[in-house]
C-alpha atoms as a PDB file:
ATOM      1  CA  MET A   1     -28.185  46.852  16.430  1.00  0.00           C
ATOM      2  CA  ASN A   2     -30.438  43.853  15.903  1.00  0.00           C
ATOM      3  CA  GLY A   3     -27.703  41.459  14.730  1.00  0.00           C
ATOM      4  CA  LEU A   4     -29.240  40.667  11.319  1.00  0.00           C
ATOM      5  CA  SER A   5     -26.885  40.545   8.380  1.00  0.00           C
ATOM      6  CA  GLU A   6     -27.639  42.500   5.219  1.00  0.00           C
ATOM      7  CA  GLN A   7     -28.365  39.211   3.469  1.00  0.00           C
ATOM      8  CA  ALA A   8     -30.853  38.166   6.160  1.00  0.00           C
ATOM      9  CA  MET A   9     -32.592  41.559   5.982  1.00  0.00           C
ATOM     10  CA  ASP A  10     -32.856  41.275   2.187  1.00  0.00           C
ATOM     11  CA  ALA A  11     -34.387  37.809   2.514  1.00  0.00           C
ATOM     12  CA  LEU A  12     -36.960  39.067   5.020  1.00  0.00           C
ATOM     13  CA  GLU A  13     -37.814  42.125   2.906  1.00  0.00           C
ATOM     14  CA  LYS A  14     -38.490  39.908  -0.114  1.00  0.00           C
ATOM     15  CA  ARG A  15     -41.245  38.202   1.893  1.00  0.00           C
ATOM     16  CA  ILE A  16     -43.171  41.444   2.512  1.00  0.00           C
ATOM     17  CA  PRO A  17     -45.363  41.293  -0.646  1.00  0.00           C
ATOM     18  CA  ASP A  18     -46.467  37.724   0.137  1.00  0.00           C
ATOM     19  CA  LEU A  19     -47.165  38.578   3.770  1.00  0.00           C
ATOM     20  CA  ALA A  20     -49.178  41.648   2.766  1.00  0.00           C
ATOM     21  CA  SER A  21     -51.185  39.654   0.233  1.00  0.00           C
ATOM     22  CA  GLY A  22     -51.990  37.032   2.851  1.00  0.00           C
ATOM     23  CA  ALA A  23     -53.053  39.699   5.339  1.00  0.00           C
ATOM     24  CA  PHE A  24     -55.437  41.283   2.813  1.00  0.00           C
ATOM     25  CA  LYS A  25     -56.993  37.912   1.984  1.00  0.00           C
ATOM     26  CA  GLN A  26     -57.420  37.128   5.671  1.00  0.00           C
ATOM     27  CA  ALA A  27     -59.058  40.516   6.333  1.00  0.00           C
ATOM     28  CA  TYR A  28     -61.443  39.964   3.393  1.00  0.00           C
ATOM     29  CA  VAL A  29     -62.484  36.534   4.676  1.00  0.00           C
ATOM     30  CA  ARG A  30     -62.926  37.805   8.251  1.00  0.00           C
ATOM     31  CA  ALA A  31     -65.090  40.721   7.131  1.00  0.00           C
ATOM     32  CA  MET A  32     -67.311  38.434   5.076  1.00  0.00           C
ATOM     33  CA  ALA A  33     -67.515  35.855   7.886  1.00  0.00           C
ATOM     34  CA  HIS A  34     -68.722  38.566  10.279  1.00  0.00           C
ATOM     35  CA  GLY A  35     -71.452  39.667   7.886  1.00  0.00           C
ATOM     36  CA  SER A  36     -69.744  42.881   6.782  1.00  0.00           C
ATOM     37  CA  TYR A  37     -69.314  44.073   3.239  1.00  0.00           C
ATOM     38  CA  VAL A  38     -65.996  44.992   1.636  1.00  0.00           C
ATOM     39  CA  LEU A  39     -65.065  47.568  -0.957  1.00  0.00           C
ATOM     40  CA  GLU A  40     -62.970  46.295  -3.834  1.00  0.00           C
ATOM     41  CA  VAL A  41     -62.118  47.060  -7.424  1.00  0.00           C
ATOM     42  CA  LEU A  42     -63.628  44.667  -9.950  1.00  0.00           C
ATOM     43  CA  ASP A  43     -63.324  45.235 -13.699  1.00  0.00           C
ATOM     44  CA  GLY A  44     -62.407  48.900 -13.259  1.00  0.00           C
ATOM     45  CA  GLN A  45     -65.313  49.657 -10.916  1.00  0.00           C
ATOM     46  CA  LEU A  46     -65.479  50.349  -7.193  1.00  0.00           C
ATOM     47  CA  VAL A  47     -67.784  47.636  -5.884  1.00  0.00           C
ATOM     48  CA  GLU A  48     -69.415  46.891  -2.532  1.00  0.00           C
ATOM     49  CA  SER A  49     -69.300  43.082  -2.131  1.00  0.00           C
ATOM     50  CA  HIS A  50     -71.623  41.407   0.379  1.00  0.00           C
ATOM     51  CA  PRO A  51     -71.336  38.042   2.151  1.00  0.00           C
ATOM     52  CA  ASP A  52     -74.369  36.692   0.263  1.00  0.00           C
ATOM     53  CA  GLY A  53     -72.419  37.072  -3.004  1.00  0.00           C
ATOM     54  CA  SER A  54     -74.215  40.167  -4.209  1.00  0.00           C
ATOM     55  CA  HIS A  55     -72.330  43.196  -5.510  1.00  0.00           C
ATOM     56  CA  ARG A  56     -73.291  46.848  -5.813  1.00  0.00           C
ATOM     57  CA  VAL A  57     -71.344  49.077  -8.198  1.00  0.00           C
ATOM     58  CA  LEU A  58     -70.569  52.384  -6.505  1.00  0.00           C
ATOM     59  CA  LYS A  59     -68.467  54.098  -9.123  1.00  0.00           C
ATOM     60  CA  ALA A  60     -66.641  53.564 -12.407  1.00  0.00           C
ATOM     61  CA  LEU A  61     -62.955  54.259 -11.915  1.00  0.00           C
ATOM     62  CA  PRO A  62     -60.630  56.017 -14.363  1.00  0.00           C
ATOM     63  CA  GLU A  63     -57.970  54.037 -16.182  1.00  0.00           C
ATOM     64  CA  PRO A  64     -54.890  53.449 -14.031  1.00  0.00           C
ATOM     65  CA  ILE A  65     -51.815  55.548 -14.746  1.00  0.00           C
ATOM     66  CA  THR A  66     -48.724  53.533 -15.614  1.00  0.00           C
ATOM     67  CA  VAL A  67     -45.631  54.942 -13.957  1.00  0.00           C
ATOM     68  CA  PRO A  68     -42.200  53.543 -14.831  1.00  0.00           C
ATOM     69  CA  ALA A  69     -40.236  52.196 -11.877  1.00  0.00           C
ATOM     70  CA  GLY A  70     -37.876  54.772 -10.419  1.00  0.00           C
ATOM     71  CA  SER A  71     -39.657  57.780 -11.918  1.00  0.00           C
ATOM     72  CA  LYS A  72     -40.756  60.716  -9.805  1.00  0.00           C
ATOM     73  CA  ARG A  73     -44.144  62.405  -9.945  1.00  0.00           C
ATOM     74  CA  ARG A  74     -45.337  65.619  -8.410  1.00  0.00           C
ATOM     75  CA  ALA A  75     -48.830  66.396  -7.215  1.00  0.00           C
ATOM     76  CA  ARG A  76     -50.588  69.224  -8.999  1.00  0.00           C
ATOM     77  CA  SER A  77     -50.921  72.321  -6.866  1.00  0.00           C
END
């Protein structure tokens, strides 16, 4: 066992969303700094964003599906 209490594990798990957000922002900045483009969703469209500030719309995306927390969904076969 790793010796962490349940309370300590809960505290660490609560930090995951903030850590993930920071990692995504860092990856975005690194890609732009190295002259690469990134794909992102802006105003419901899939967009290719370039370091010079230009954007190229690749595709309009469908409206997101709202799913209540705790519900289960099955893929169509």
